[in-house]
Protein backbone atom coordinates (compact mmCIF):
# COMPACT_ATOMS: atom_id res chain seq x y z
CA MET A 1 53.96 -33.90 51.97
CA LEU A 2 50.68 -31.84 53.12
CA ASN A 3 52.50 -28.71 51.93
CA SER A 4 52.86 -30.06 48.32
CA PHE A 5 49.50 -30.76 47.80
CA ILE A 6 47.54 -28.09 49.65
CA PHE A 7 47.63 -25.84 46.27
CA GLN A 8 46.91 -28.73 44.04
CA ILE A 9 43.80 -29.74 46.22
CA CYS A 10 42.24 -26.61 46.52
CA SER A 11 42.66 -25.95 42.92
CA LEU A 12 41.04 -29.31 41.98
CA PHE A 13 38.12 -28.64 43.99
CA PHE A 14 37.79 -25.38 42.10
CA ILE A 15 38.12 -26.80 38.75
CA ILE A 16 35.72 -29.63 39.03
CA LEU A 17 32.88 -27.32 40.59
CA ILE A 18 33.69 -24.72 37.64
CA SER A 19 33.52 -27.90 35.16
CA ILE A 20 30.05 -29.16 36.76
CA ILE A 21 28.42 -25.58 36.17
CA TYR A 22 29.92 -24.89 32.95
CA PHE A 23 29.34 -27.93 31.11
CA PHE A 24 25.87 -28.51 32.60
CA LYS A 25 24.57 -24.99 31.91
CA LYS A 26 23.08 -24.07 28.85
CA LYS A 27 25.33 -22.09 26.44
CA ILE A 28 25.51 -20.30 23.15
CA LYS A 29 28.08 -22.03 20.77
CA THR A 30 30.86 -20.17 19.71
CA ILE A 31 34.67 -20.74 19.26
CA GLU A 32 35.43 -19.18 22.50
CA ASN A 33 33.39 -21.51 24.14
CA GLN A 34 35.08 -24.30 22.22
CA VAL A 35 38.44 -23.28 23.27
CA PHE A 36 37.49 -22.72 26.71
CA LYS A 37 36.12 -26.13 27.10
CA TYR A 38 39.74 -27.58 26.28
CA LEU A 39 41.16 -24.80 29.18
CA LEU A 40 38.75 -26.51 31.61
CA LEU A 41 39.97 -30.06 30.53
CA PHE A 42 43.57 -29.28 30.24
CA ASN A 43 43.57 -27.67 33.61
CA PHE A 44 41.75 -30.71 35.24
CA ILE A 45 44.54 -33.10 33.88
CA LEU A 46 47.48 -30.72 34.78
CA LEU A 47 46.17 -30.92 38.18
CA ILE A 48 45.70 -34.65 38.32
CA SER A 49 49.40 -35.29 36.65
CA ASP A 50 50.73 -32.62 39.28
CA ILE A 51 49.15 -34.65 42.17
CA VAL A 52 50.44 -38.13 40.81
CA SER A 53 54.24 -36.83 39.85
CA VAL A 54 54.38 -35.55 43.56
CA TYR A 55 52.79 -38.87 45.16
CA PHE A 56 55.06 -41.10 42.93
CA ILE A 57 58.13 -38.85 43.90
CA TYR A 58 57.32 -39.29 47.58
CA HIS A 59 56.16 -43.07 47.61
CA MET A 60 57.85 -44.84 44.53
CA LYS A 61 61.14 -43.85 44.72
CA GLN A 62 62.21 -47.08 43.59
CA TYR A 63 60.79 -46.46 40.09
CA PRO A 64 62.92 -43.41 38.95
CA PHE A 65 61.53 -44.24 35.64
CA LEU A 66 57.65 -43.67 36.40
CA ASN A 67 59.03 -40.69 38.35
CA LEU A 68 60.62 -39.05 35.27
CA PHE A 69 57.56 -39.93 33.07
CA PHE A 70 54.99 -38.58 35.51
CA GLY A 71 57.30 -35.47 35.99
CA LYS A 72 57.81 -34.69 32.25
CA LEU A 73 54.10 -35.44 31.59
CA TYR A 74 53.03 -32.64 34.11
CA LEU A 75 55.55 -29.95 32.10
CA MET A 76 53.99 -31.09 28.68
CA ILE A 77 50.85 -30.64 29.80
CA LEU A 78 51.50 -27.44 31.51
CA ILE A 79 53.00 -26.19 28.04
CA LEU A 80 49.32 -27.80 26.21
CA TRP A 81 47.44 -25.36 28.69
CA GLU A 82 49.70 -22.60 27.71
CA VAL A 83 49.35 -23.06 23.96
CA THR A 84 45.47 -23.53 24.40
CA LEU A 85 45.38 -20.39 25.95
CA LEU A 86 47.49 -18.62 23.45
CA ILE A 87 44.77 -20.18 20.99
CA TYR A 88 42.08 -18.36 22.95
CA VAL A 89 44.16 -15.27 22.66
CA PHE A 90 43.69 -15.11 19.30
CA VAL A 91 40.03 -15.98 19.53
CA ILE A 92 39.10 -12.97 21.58
CA SER A 93 41.17 -10.66 20.13
CA GLU A 94 39.17 -11.39 16.57
CA ASN A 95 37.36 -8.47 15.32
CA LYS A 96 34.88 -10.28 13.36
CA ASN A 97 31.43 -10.33 14.98
CA GLY A 98 30.13 -13.84 14.89
CA GLU A 99 33.17 -15.33 13.76
CA LYS A 100 32.58 -19.16 13.90
CA ASN A 101 35.76 -20.54 12.56
CA LEU A 102 39.30 -19.79 13.53
CA ASP A 103 42.18 -19.14 11.27
CA ARG A 104 44.74 -21.55 10.68
CA TYR A 105 47.60 -19.44 11.63
CA PRO A 106 46.99 -19.67 15.69
CA LEU A 107 46.28 -23.47 15.75
CA LEU A 108 49.35 -23.95 13.34
CA LEU A 109 51.64 -21.82 15.46
CA SER A 110 50.37 -23.57 18.85
CA GLY A 111 50.75 -26.71 17.40
CA ILE A 112 54.37 -26.41 16.42
CA ILE A 113 55.42 -24.69 19.54
CA TRP A 114 53.71 -27.67 21.50
CA ILE A 115 55.20 -30.71 19.67
CA ILE A 116 58.88 -29.17 19.46
CA SER A 117 58.57 -28.56 23.31
CA CYS A 118 57.32 -32.19 24.14
CA ILE A 119 60.21 -33.24 22.10
CA LEU A 120 62.59 -30.94 23.92
CA ILE A 121 61.26 -31.93 27.53
CA MET A 122 61.57 -35.91 26.56
CA ILE A 123 65.42 -35.23 25.60
CA LEU A 124 66.52 -32.98 28.10
CA PRO A 125 67.16 -34.08 31.61
CA LEU A 126 64.84 -33.17 34.92
CA ASN A 127 66.04 -33.53 38.32
CA PHE A 128 63.70 -33.69 41.88
CA VAL A 129 64.14 -32.71 45.54
CA SER A 130 62.28 -34.63 47.94
CA GLU A 131 62.07 -33.64 51.61
CA SER A 132 59.56 -34.74 54.45
CA ASN A 133 57.32 -31.87 53.78
CA PHE A 134 57.79 -30.85 50.33
CA VAL A 135 59.21 -31.81 46.53
CA TYR A 136 59.81 -29.77 43.48
CA SER A 137 61.79 -30.36 40.37
CA TYR A 138 64.65 -28.54 38.30
CA GLY A 139 66.88 -28.82 35.96
CA PRO A 140 67.06 -28.14 32.07
CA ALA A 141 63.52 -29.36 31.21
CA ALA A 142 61.84 -27.14 34.02
CA LEU A 143 64.18 -24.32 32.80
CA PHE A 144 62.99 -24.80 29.43
CA THR A 145 59.33 -24.89 30.34
CA TYR A 146 59.51 -21.58 32.20
CA CYS A 147 61.41 -19.90 29.52
CA LEU A 148 58.54 -21.02 26.82
CA THR A 149 56.02 -20.14 29.34
CA ALA A 150 57.75 -16.25 29.16
CA PHE A 151 57.81 -16.67 25.56
CA VAL A 152 54.39 -17.16 24.92
CA MET A 153 53.27 -14.38 27.31
CA LEU A 154 55.24 -12.30 25.24
CA ILE A 155 53.04 -13.44 22.09
CA TRP A 156 49.85 -12.70 24.37
CA ILE A 157 51.06 -9.54 24.99
CA ILE A 158 52.09 -8.14 21.45
CA ARG A 159 48.68 -9.86 20.32
CA LEU A 160 46.69 -7.84 23.06
CA PHE A 161 48.10 -4.39 22.60
CA SER A 162 48.25 -4.42 18.59
CA ARG A 163 43.98 -5.31 19.28
CA LEU A 164 43.51 -3.35 22.52
CA SER A 165 41.18 -1.02 20.71
CA ILE A 166 38.82 -3.79 19.90
CA ILE A 167 38.96 -5.98 22.82
CA LYS A 168 36.78 -5.32 25.54
CA LYS A 169 38.18 -4.73 28.82
CA GLN A 170 36.60 -8.10 30.49
CA LYS A 171 38.28 -10.14 28.01
CA TYR A 172 41.94 -8.85 28.64
CA THR A 173 41.92 -8.40 32.34
CA PRO A 174 42.17 -11.95 33.38
CA LEU A 175 45.17 -12.47 30.90
CA LEU A 176 47.00 -9.86 32.25
CA LEU A 177 46.26 -10.92 35.68
CA TYR A 178 47.59 -14.25 34.73
CA ILE A 179 50.79 -12.69 33.48
CA GLY A 180 51.35 -10.63 37.14
CA MET A 181 50.55 -13.86 38.65
CA MET A 182 52.96 -16.17 36.92
CA ILE A 183 55.66 -13.79 37.38
CA CYS A 184 54.80 -13.52 41.21
CA GLY A 185 54.69 -17.64 41.49
CA ALA A 186 57.94 -17.63 39.60
CA LEU A 187 59.48 -15.50 42.24
CA VAL A 188 57.76 -17.40 44.93
CA GLN A 189 58.93 -20.56 44.03
CA PHE A 190 62.66 -19.21 43.67
CA PHE A 191 62.59 -18.22 46.97
CA GLU A 192 60.43 -20.98 48.43
CA PRO A 193 60.69 -24.12 46.40
CA SER A 194 58.38 -26.02 48.61
CA LEU A 195 55.20 -23.85 47.52
CA LEU A 196 54.12 -25.40 44.28
CA VAL A 197 51.90 -22.77 43.12
CA VAL A 198 52.38 -22.93 39.19
CA SER A 199 49.08 -24.94 39.12
CA PHE A 200 47.13 -23.18 41.48
CA VAL A 201 47.89 -19.80 39.36
CA ILE A 202 46.66 -21.28 36.08
CA SER A 203 43.23 -22.54 37.87
CA TYR A 204 42.82 -19.44 39.63
CA VAL A 205 43.28 -17.58 36.03
CA THR A 206 40.53 -20.23 34.29
CA CYS A 207 38.28 -19.47 37.05
CA ILE A 208 38.52 -15.76 36.57
CA ILE A 209 38.31 -16.38 32.60
CA TYR A 210 34.83 -18.05 33.36
CA PHE A 211 33.47 -15.49 35.86
CA THR A 212 34.64 -12.58 33.28
CA ILE A 213 34.21 -13.95 29.82
CA GLU A 214 32.72 -17.32 29.58
CA ASN A 215 30.02 -17.30 31.89
CA PRO A 216 27.17 -18.95 29.83
CA ASP A 217 24.63 -16.58 31.61
CA VAL A 218 26.63 -13.57 30.58
CA LYS A 219 27.47 -14.87 27.01
CA MET A 220 23.55 -15.82 26.74
CA ILE A 221 22.77 -12.13 27.86
CA GLU A 222 25.37 -10.47 25.35
CA GLN A 223 23.99 -12.62 22.42
CA LEU A 224 20.45 -11.62 23.43
CA ASN A 225 21.46 -7.92 23.85
CA ILE A 226 23.04 -8.36 20.43
CA ALA A 227 19.76 -9.98 18.68
CA LYS A 228 17.55 -7.21 20.42
CA ASP A 229 19.84 -4.48 18.91
CA ILE A 230 19.53 -6.38 15.47
CA ALA A 231 15.69 -6.76 15.98
CA ASP A 232 15.43 -3.21 17.23
CA LYS A 233 17.29 -1.84 13.88
CA ALA A 234 15.44 -4.06 11.65
CA ASN A 235 11.99 -2.44 13.37
CA ASN A 236 13.24 0.84 12.99
CA ALA A 237 14.17 0.52 9.38
CA LYS A 238 10.87 -0.98 8.72
CA THR A 239 8.97 1.89 10.42
CA GLU A 240 11.12 4.34 8.41
CA PHE A 241 10.41 2.78 5.29
CA LEU A 242 6.94 2.35 6.00
CA SER A 243 6.63 6.09 6.90
CA SER A 244 8.31 6.99 3.81
CA MET A 245 5.89 4.56 1.57
CA SER A 246 2.80 6.16 3.75
CA HIS A 247 3.98 9.55 2.36
CA GLU A 248 4.48 8.64 -0.99
CA VAL A 249 0.89 6.49 -1.05
CA ARG A 250 -0.68 9.55 0.54
CA THR A 251 0.17 11.96 -1.82
CA PRO A 252 -1.38 10.55 -5.25
CA LEU A 253 -4.57 9.48 -2.74
CA ASN A 254 -5.21 13.19 -1.88
CA ALA A 255 -5.42 14.06 -5.52
CA ILE A 256 -7.83 10.83 -6.00
CA MET A 257 -10.11 11.63 -2.92
CA GLY A 258 -10.22 15.31 -3.55
CA PHE A 259 -11.30 15.41 -6.77
CA SER A 260 -13.81 12.71 -5.83
CA GLU A 261 -14.95 14.67 -3.44
CA SER A 262 -15.50 17.40 -5.52
CA LEU A 263 -17.00 15.65 -8.34
CA LYS A 264 -19.55 14.59 -5.51
CA GLU A 265 -20.79 18.19 -5.59
CA GLU A 266 -21.21 18.41 -9.62
CA ASN A 267 -24.48 17.43 -11.52
CA LEU A 268 -23.67 14.08 -12.57
CA SER A 269 -25.81 11.26 -13.75
CA GLU A 270 -26.64 8.56 -11.51
CA LYS A 271 -24.33 6.20 -12.62
CA ALA A 272 -21.47 8.74 -12.72
CA GLN A 273 -22.44 9.76 -9.28
CA GLU A 274 -22.39 5.92 -8.02
CA GLU A 275 -18.88 5.47 -9.82
CA VAL A 276 -17.60 8.50 -7.98
CA ASN A 277 -19.08 6.97 -4.73
CA ASP A 278 -17.04 3.91 -5.71
CA ILE A 279 -13.89 5.77 -5.92
CA ILE A 280 -14.30 7.31 -2.75
CA SER A 281 -14.91 3.99 -1.07
CA ALA A 282 -11.90 2.13 -2.60
CA SER A 283 -9.74 5.23 -1.26
CA ASN A 284 -11.07 5.14 1.91
CA SER A 285 -10.51 1.38 2.40
CA LEU A 286 -6.62 2.16 0.83
CA LEU A 287 -6.15 4.84 3.46
CA GLU A 288 -7.46 2.32 5.91
CA ILE A 289 -4.75 -0.12 5.17
CA VAL A 290 -2.00 2.65 5.26
CA ASN A 291 -3.04 3.39 8.62
CA GLY A 292 -3.66 -0.04 9.83
CA ILE A 293 0.26 -1.09 8.57
CA LEU A 294 1.45 1.91 9.93
CA ASP A 295 -0.09 1.41 13.28
CA ILE A 296 0.78 -2.55 13.72
CA SER A 297 4.54 -1.19 12.87
CA LYS A 298 4.84 1.37 15.37
CA ILE A 299 3.24 -1.06 18.27
CA GLU A 300 5.76 -3.58 17.18
CA ALA A 301 8.62 -1.42 17.23
CA ASN A 302 7.52 -0.51 20.68
CA LYS A 303 7.16 3.32 19.64
CA LEU A 304 3.35 3.70 20.54
CA GLU A 305 3.12 5.21 23.97
CA ILE A 306 -0.14 5.81 25.88
CA VAL A 307 -0.69 9.77 26.49
CA ASP A 308 -3.53 10.24 29.19
CA ASN A 309 -5.36 13.65 28.86
CA GLU A 310 -8.75 14.86 30.08
CA TYR A 311 -11.28 13.82 27.27
CA ASP A 312 -15.43 14.67 26.26
CA VAL A 313 -16.60 11.13 26.49
CA TYR A 314 -20.13 12.23 25.26
CA LYS A 315 -18.27 13.91 22.29
CA MET A 316 -16.21 10.90 21.62
CA ILE A 317 -19.06 8.76 21.44
CA ASN A 318 -21.05 11.11 19.10
CA ASP A 319 -18.18 11.05 16.84
CA LEU A 320 -17.94 7.42 16.95
CA LYS A 321 -21.77 7.03 16.13
CA ASN A 322 -21.50 9.33 13.10
CA LEU A 323 -18.26 7.42 11.74
CA THR A 324 -19.95 4.43 12.05
CA LYS A 325 -23.17 5.63 10.30
CA ALA A 326 -20.94 6.46 7.42
CA ARG A 327 -19.56 3.07 7.16
CA ILE A 328 -22.91 1.41 7.28
CA GLY A 329 -23.93 3.19 4.39
CA THR A 330 -27.08 2.33 2.53
CA LYS A 331 -27.23 -1.20 4.15
CA ASP A 332 -30.40 -2.35 6.07
CA VAL A 333 -28.56 -2.10 9.32
CA GLU A 334 -29.85 -0.16 12.31
CA LEU A 335 -27.16 1.41 14.64
CA LYS A 336 -28.27 1.18 18.23
CA VAL A 337 -26.29 3.33 20.79
CA ASN A 338 -26.85 2.71 24.74
CA ILE A 339 -25.32 4.94 27.37
CA ASP A 340 -25.07 4.38 31.21
CA GLN A 341 -26.70 7.01 32.66
CA THR A 342 -24.05 7.31 35.13
CA LEU A 343 -21.09 7.44 32.91
CA PRO A 344 -19.15 10.82 33.72
CA GLN A 345 -18.74 13.42 31.07
CA VAL A 346 -14.96 13.82 31.65
CA LEU A 347 -12.60 11.08 32.24
CA TYR A 348 -8.87 11.10 32.26
CA GLY A 349 -7.17 8.53 29.83
CA ASP A 350 -5.92 8.05 26.16
CA GLU A 351 -8.85 9.27 24.36
CA ILE A 352 -7.17 8.66 20.86
CA ARG A 353 -6.39 5.13 21.52
CA LEU A 354 -9.77 4.44 23.20
CA LYS A 355 -11.30 5.86 19.92
CA GLN A 356 -9.59 3.80 17.80
CA ILE A 357 -10.41 0.58 19.66
CA ILE A 358 -14.18 1.14 19.48
CA LEU A 359 -13.93 2.44 16.04
CA ASN A 360 -11.98 -0.70 14.90
CA LEU A 361 -14.95 -2.85 16.42
CA LEU A 362 -17.82 -0.91 15.11
CA THR A 363 -16.04 -0.87 11.73
CA ASN A 364 -15.75 -4.62 11.67
CA ALA A 365 -18.99 -5.03 12.95
CA ALA A 366 -20.22 -2.79 9.74
CA LYS A 367 -18.30 -4.47 7.34
CA TYR A 368 -19.40 -7.96 8.31
CA THR A 369 -23.01 -7.29 8.97
CA ASP A 370 -25.55 -6.93 5.95
CA LYS A 371 -28.65 -6.28 7.57
CA GLY A 372 -30.31 -6.30 10.84
CA GLN A 373 -28.63 -4.48 13.53
CA ILE A 374 -25.39 -3.12 15.56
CA GLU A 375 -25.74 -2.79 19.16
CA PHE A 376 -23.35 -0.04 20.55
CA ASN A 377 -23.42 -0.33 24.32
CA ILE A 378 -21.25 1.80 26.83
CA ASN A 379 -21.51 0.89 30.78
CA CYS A 380 -19.24 1.55 33.90
CA VAL A 381 -18.07 0.42 37.06
CA PHE A 382 -16.70 2.82 39.41
CA ASN A 383 -13.99 1.69 42.05
CA GLN A 384 -13.07 5.11 44.00
CA ASP A 385 -11.46 7.24 41.50
CA ILE A 386 -11.52 4.35 38.63
CA CYS A 387 -14.27 3.97 36.01
CA ARG A 388 -14.01 0.93 34.35
CA LEU A 389 -15.67 1.25 30.79
CA ILE A 390 -17.49 -1.94 29.80
CA ILE A 391 -17.79 -1.52 25.99
CA SER A 392 -20.20 -4.02 23.71
CA VAL A 393 -20.22 -4.02 19.93
CA LYS A 394 -23.01 -6.68 19.14
CA ASP A 395 -24.09 -7.17 15.67
CA THR A 396 -26.35 -9.58 13.64
CA GLY A 397 -23.62 -10.23 10.94
CA ARG A 398 -22.02 -13.40 9.81
CA GLY A 399 -20.27 -14.57 12.90
CA ILE A 400 -17.14 -16.30 13.22
CA LYS A 401 -16.79 -20.20 13.40
CA GLU A 402 -15.77 -21.43 16.99
CA GLU A 403 -12.28 -22.93 15.50
CA ASN A 404 -11.71 -19.53 13.99
CA ILE A 405 -12.07 -17.28 16.95
CA ASN A 406 -8.46 -17.88 18.20
CA LYS A 407 -7.39 -16.73 14.96
CA LEU A 408 -9.21 -13.32 15.17
CA PHE A 409 -6.13 -11.12 16.58
CA THR A 410 -3.47 -12.53 14.33
CA LYS A 411 -1.95 -10.25 12.01
CA PHE A 412 -3.09 -10.49 8.23
CA GLU A 413 -5.64 -13.52 9.14
CA ARG A 414 -8.57 -13.24 6.78
CA LEU A 415 -11.04 -15.98 8.34
CA ASP A 416 -13.19 -15.99 4.93
CA GLU A 417 -10.67 -16.35 2.22
CA LYS A 418 -12.98 -16.93 -0.46
CA ASN A 419 -15.44 -13.94 0.46
CA SER A 420 -13.98 -11.35 -2.24
CA THR A 421 -16.68 -8.76 -1.26
CA ILE A 422 -14.95 -7.87 2.12
CA GLU A 423 -12.05 -5.39 1.81
CA GLY A 424 -9.10 -5.30 4.32
CA THR A 425 -5.98 -6.74 5.35
CA GLY A 426 -6.95 -8.19 8.55
CA LEU A 427 -5.31 -5.81 10.50
CA GLY A 428 -7.94 -4.03 12.35
CA LEU A 429 -8.45 -6.67 15.19
CA ALA A 430 -4.61 -7.45 15.64
CA ILE A 431 -4.09 -3.72 16.06
CA THR A 432 -7.32 -3.62 18.55
CA LYS A 433 -6.00 -6.33 20.72
CA LYS A 434 -2.54 -4.67 20.82
CA LEU A 435 -3.83 -1.37 21.97
CA VAL A 436 -6.13 -3.11 24.53
CA ASP A 437 -3.23 -5.01 26.03
CA LEU A 438 -0.95 -1.48 25.87
CA MET A 439 -3.99 0.05 27.88
CA GLN A 440 -4.11 -3.02 30.51
CA GLY A 441 -7.54 -3.95 29.51
CA LYS A 442 -9.13 -7.20 28.27
CA ILE A 443 -11.21 -7.98 25.24
CA VAL A 444 -13.44 -10.85 25.02
CA VAL A 445 -15.03 -12.44 21.66
CA GLN A 446 -18.51 -14.32 21.65
CA SER A 447 -19.56 -15.66 18.24
CA LYS A 448 -21.75 -17.84 16.44
CA ALA A 449 -21.60 -18.41 12.72
CA ASN A 450 -24.17 -16.75 10.64
CA VAL A 451 -25.85 -15.27 13.95
CA GLY A 452 -23.75 -12.66 14.96
CA SER A 453 -20.89 -11.57 16.97
CA ASN A 454 -20.40 -10.03 20.38
CA PHE A 455 -17.02 -8.10 21.17
CA MET A 456 -16.26 -6.78 24.82
CA VAL A 457 -13.77 -4.62 26.09
CA SER A 458 -13.11 -3.48 29.70
CA ILE A 459 -10.73 -0.53 30.16
CA ASP A 460 -10.07 1.57 33.24
CA GLN A 461 -10.09 5.37 32.96
CA LYS A 462 -9.54 7.89 35.84
CA ILE A 463 -12.49 10.13 37.04
CA VAL A 464 -11.71 13.80 36.72
CA ALA A 465 -13.10 15.43 40.01
CA ASN A 466 -12.46 18.98 38.75
CA PRO A 467 -12.13 19.03 35.03
CA THR A 468 -10.37 21.52 33.50
CA LEU A 469 -11.40 20.72 30.10
CA LYS A 470 -14.07 23.21 28.35
CA ILE A 471 -17.27 21.14 27.39
CA GLU A 472 -18.11 22.89 24.06
CA LYS A 473 -21.50 22.58 22.62
CA GLU A 474 -21.84 20.89 19.04
CA THR A 475 -21.66 23.74 16.42
CA ILE A 476 -23.76 23.42 13.91
CA ILE A 477 -22.25 24.32 10.54
CA LYS A 478 -24.69 26.90 8.59
CA GLU A 479 -24.70 26.96 5.01
CA THR A 480 -23.82 30.85 5.23
CA THR A 481 -20.33 29.81 6.70
CA ASN A 482 -19.42 28.27 2.90
CA ASN A 483 -19.05 31.90 1.79
CA TYR A 484 -15.76 33.38 2.40
CA LYS A 485 -15.81 35.96 -0.33
CA ASP A 486 -14.03 38.57 1.68
CA LYS A 487 -10.95 36.22 2.78
CA LYS A 488 -7.67 35.41 1.26
CA ILE A 489 -5.83 32.42 1.74
CA LEU A 490 -2.26 31.06 0.51
CA ILE A 491 -1.53 27.41 -0.38
CA VAL A 492 1.94 26.22 -0.65
CA ASP A 493 2.92 23.11 -2.24
CA ASP A 494 5.72 21.96 -4.25
CA ASN A 495 3.53 19.15 -6.07
CA LEU A 496 0.98 20.92 -8.33
CA LEU A 497 -1.33 18.21 -8.50
CA ASN A 498 -1.65 18.50 -4.90
CA LEU A 499 -1.79 22.51 -5.39
CA LYS A 500 -4.53 21.82 -7.82
CA VAL A 501 -6.70 19.47 -5.52
CA ALA A 502 -6.61 22.04 -2.72
CA VAL A 503 -7.93 24.65 -5.04
CA ARG A 504 -10.77 22.57 -6.05
CA LEU A 505 -11.78 21.69 -2.52
CA LEU A 506 -11.78 25.26 -1.81
CA GLU A 507 -13.78 26.74 -4.81
CA PRO A 508 -17.10 26.02 -3.20
CA TYR A 509 -16.05 28.63 -0.15
CA GLU A 510 -15.60 31.56 -2.98
CA MET A 511 -12.58 32.96 -1.22
CA ASN A 512 -9.43 34.68 -3.12
CA ILE A 513 -6.90 31.76 -3.41
CA GLU A 514 -3.18 32.25 -3.92
CA GLU A 515 -0.67 29.66 -4.69
CA ALA A 516 3.20 28.96 -4.05
CA ASP A 517 4.93 26.04 -5.12
CA ASN A 518 8.06 26.61 -2.63
CA GLY A 519 9.01 28.03 0.64
CA ASP A 520 10.67 30.99 -0.79
CA ASP A 521 8.16 32.01 -3.24
CA ALA A 522 5.59 31.94 -0.06
CA ILE A 523 7.88 34.15 2.05
CA ASN A 524 8.07 36.70 -1.00
CA LYS A 525 4.40 36.72 -1.33
CA VAL A 526 3.69 37.45 2.33
CA LYS A 527 6.47 39.88 2.59
CA GLN A 528 4.53 41.84 -0.28
CA ASN A 529 1.33 41.39 1.42
CA LEU A 530 0.36 40.64 4.90
CA ASN A 531 -3.49 40.66 4.45
CA TYR A 532 -3.60 36.84 4.44
CA ASP A 533 -6.16 35.12 6.46
CA LEU A 534 -4.81 31.62 6.30
CA ILE A 535 -1.78 29.76 5.09
CA LEU A 536 -1.87 26.06 4.12
CA LEU A 537 1.81 25.12 4.09
CA ASP A 538 3.26 21.70 2.98
CA ASP A 539 5.78 20.68 5.19
CA MET A 540 8.11 18.13 2.83
CA MET A 541 9.22 20.40 0.12
CA PRO A 542 12.66 20.59 -1.35
CA HIS A 543 15.25 23.06 -0.61
CA LYS A 544 13.08 24.53 2.13
CA SER A 545 10.80 22.64 4.40
CA GLY A 546 7.42 23.72 5.68
CA GLY A 547 9.14 23.75 9.23
CA GLU A 548 12.00 26.11 7.81
CA THR A 549 9.52 28.45 6.03
CA LEU A 550 7.62 28.93 9.04
CA GLU A 551 10.52 30.04 11.01
CA GLU A 552 11.25 32.56 8.42
CA LEU A 553 7.56 33.74 8.12
CA LYS A 554 7.74 34.25 11.88
CA GLN A 555 10.71 36.61 11.13
CA ILE A 556 8.57 39.22 9.39
CA PRO A 557 7.63 42.05 11.01
CA ASN A 558 4.00 42.19 12.02
CA PHE A 559 3.72 38.78 10.99
CA ASN A 560 0.45 37.14 12.58
CA ILE A 561 -1.37 34.93 10.14
CA PRO A 562 -2.43 31.65 11.11
CA VAL A 563 -0.23 28.63 9.49
CA VAL A 564 -1.72 25.28 9.51
CA VAL A 565 0.73 22.57 7.99
CA LEU A 566 -0.70 20.46 5.09
CA THR A 567 1.04 17.28 4.84
CA ALA A 568 1.28 13.46 4.12
CA ASN A 569 3.35 12.61 6.94
CA ALA A 570 0.38 11.34 9.02
CA ILE A 571 1.66 8.80 11.48
CA GLU A 572 0.54 9.02 14.65
CA GLY A 573 2.34 11.83 16.98
CA MET A 574 3.20 13.83 13.94
CA LYS A 575 0.11 16.46 14.93
CA GLU A 576 1.93 17.17 18.25
CA LYS A 577 5.34 17.64 16.54
CA TYR A 578 3.98 20.31 14.04
CA LEU A 579 2.02 22.12 17.01
CA GLU A 580 5.31 22.27 18.95
CA MET A 581 7.18 23.45 15.88
CA GLY A 582 4.89 26.62 15.92
CA PHE A 583 2.15 25.50 13.38
CA ASP A 584 -1.45 26.68 14.41
CA ASP A 585 -3.33 23.65 13.20
CA TYR A 586 -2.56 20.15 11.26
CA LEU A 587 -4.42 18.91 8.17
CA ALA A 588 -3.65 15.63 6.84
CA LYS A 589 -3.17 14.42 3.01
CA PRO A 590 -5.66 13.15 1.84
CA ILE A 591 -7.55 16.26 2.94
CA ILE A 592 -10.87 15.10 4.42
CA LYS A 593 -13.56 17.76 3.61
CA ASP A 594 -14.89 18.00 7.12
CA GLU A 595 -11.48 18.67 8.64
CA LEU A 596 -10.83 21.33 5.89
CA LYS A 597 -14.44 22.73 6.98
CA ARG A 598 -13.35 22.66 10.62
CA VAL A 599 -9.82 24.63 9.83
CA LEU A 600 -11.74 27.04 7.82
CA GLN A 601 -14.33 27.91 10.26
CA LYS A 602 -11.77 27.96 13.43
CA TYR A 603 -9.54 30.51 11.59
CA LEU A 604 -11.94 32.40 9.24
CA ASN A 605 -14.92 32.90 11.33
CA LYS A 606 -13.26 34.91 13.70
């Protein structure tokens, strides 16, 4: 008798173990899971009925009716498991992502097969052989079950191979394995009827399905990966959209800021001069919003990287001081800058991101401080080759209520919605927090309403023992450098308004200016005259982009004219990209007068 039970007992143990793991683990609810749940259940019932059937044949020979009942019940449950697997095959071979409902066709087909099979099994005779160590069944009912199993396998094969291109390998492998094992099992039982391996084969394949297809951990990881891919695509689409919108916004903003800056040089009335300043201030606020949205979008899309280089710390601090003074404007606010005397001249880190963090804090202080002072402190703590910068921005501004401090770094959060005099989106501090985290630093806030705030940031930077960075003294821009009467410059832009703005900004320099509204026109002008001292070349032009135009210009014999890209594509990383393309320098739209002056001095004073 032990020979007849050994496979069933082992199989029952594994199915119980798999069932406990499966049903008690958290899993994604899908139609596959629902069908597999019934596969496990019917497999368990099949093993119980097989054990009971063998037991009754051995010990209840005086009840032939019960022997026949449990023998035929086993065959009916075997077919029930087979048709459930048939449903499962249809489910995994569906080509509809996220399909939650199963088509009626496989359900109807499986139901009809099982009902007809049950009727025929009840009608057809079933015989038993019972010896001292083994028992098995035979007869028309058993033969019909084996033939039906072969028929169902044929349906699986047709279905699998018709959908093979869309089914993952791990999904059809256990089914093909089952077919092979059933064939081997049939041959084994044909030559050695005492080995009841059918239930064992079914249980083994059910376990294989669990570990290759239905493992909750694997399925949850797959679902998480799908969700991550969807989120990444959405983030990429958002970033591309914002980049495109940035270009579209910057183009008209270039005209507004360019003409406004030029008007400041005109002999205007006091009222007109004030209105021009208001236009420039509003334009700067709009530009700040565009830049902030792009930054937060790139951070969320994980496209913002830390790029470390040597940089001049004192030059960065001087730039920050000048930018903050400009932001304070005419307010009765004093800016105090205190620098640790031990602070190295050159450090190694991401200067751009560090500067952005500090500037956001200083800008925020200038925005919310109407009178008093802003104290900008930089201290340092050394640990071998690491310099920990302790940056503090303390103001006597409006301060923050204690209950609002936790909201400071939330996107688009404005703590004083009623205050309509403060412009902005609430993105600055959210970006600052994300950048500090990205640089593995820490930020702390201390604030009291109507008293002031103190933002403290600590960020580690490497100390450069032998700096290769050349420290240049600040160059004083003399008035005489504004005169470039002997210089000739070519401006290339398909937007006529942008051409007009560029010409207007260059007028004070009294140079010879020529214009081209497309790449081909620019190439023809250069071929006819190589005496240009500088070319300002827009990148995003129809028919021939700035990059393509530059490639053709460099093919002209003896071409040695500096080419500066002039573009509204001003997202982070574009400057480096343009320099790699072969441009000598980079000017973003809207054109900043100081940047334009820097470019002219660099290339026209040689």
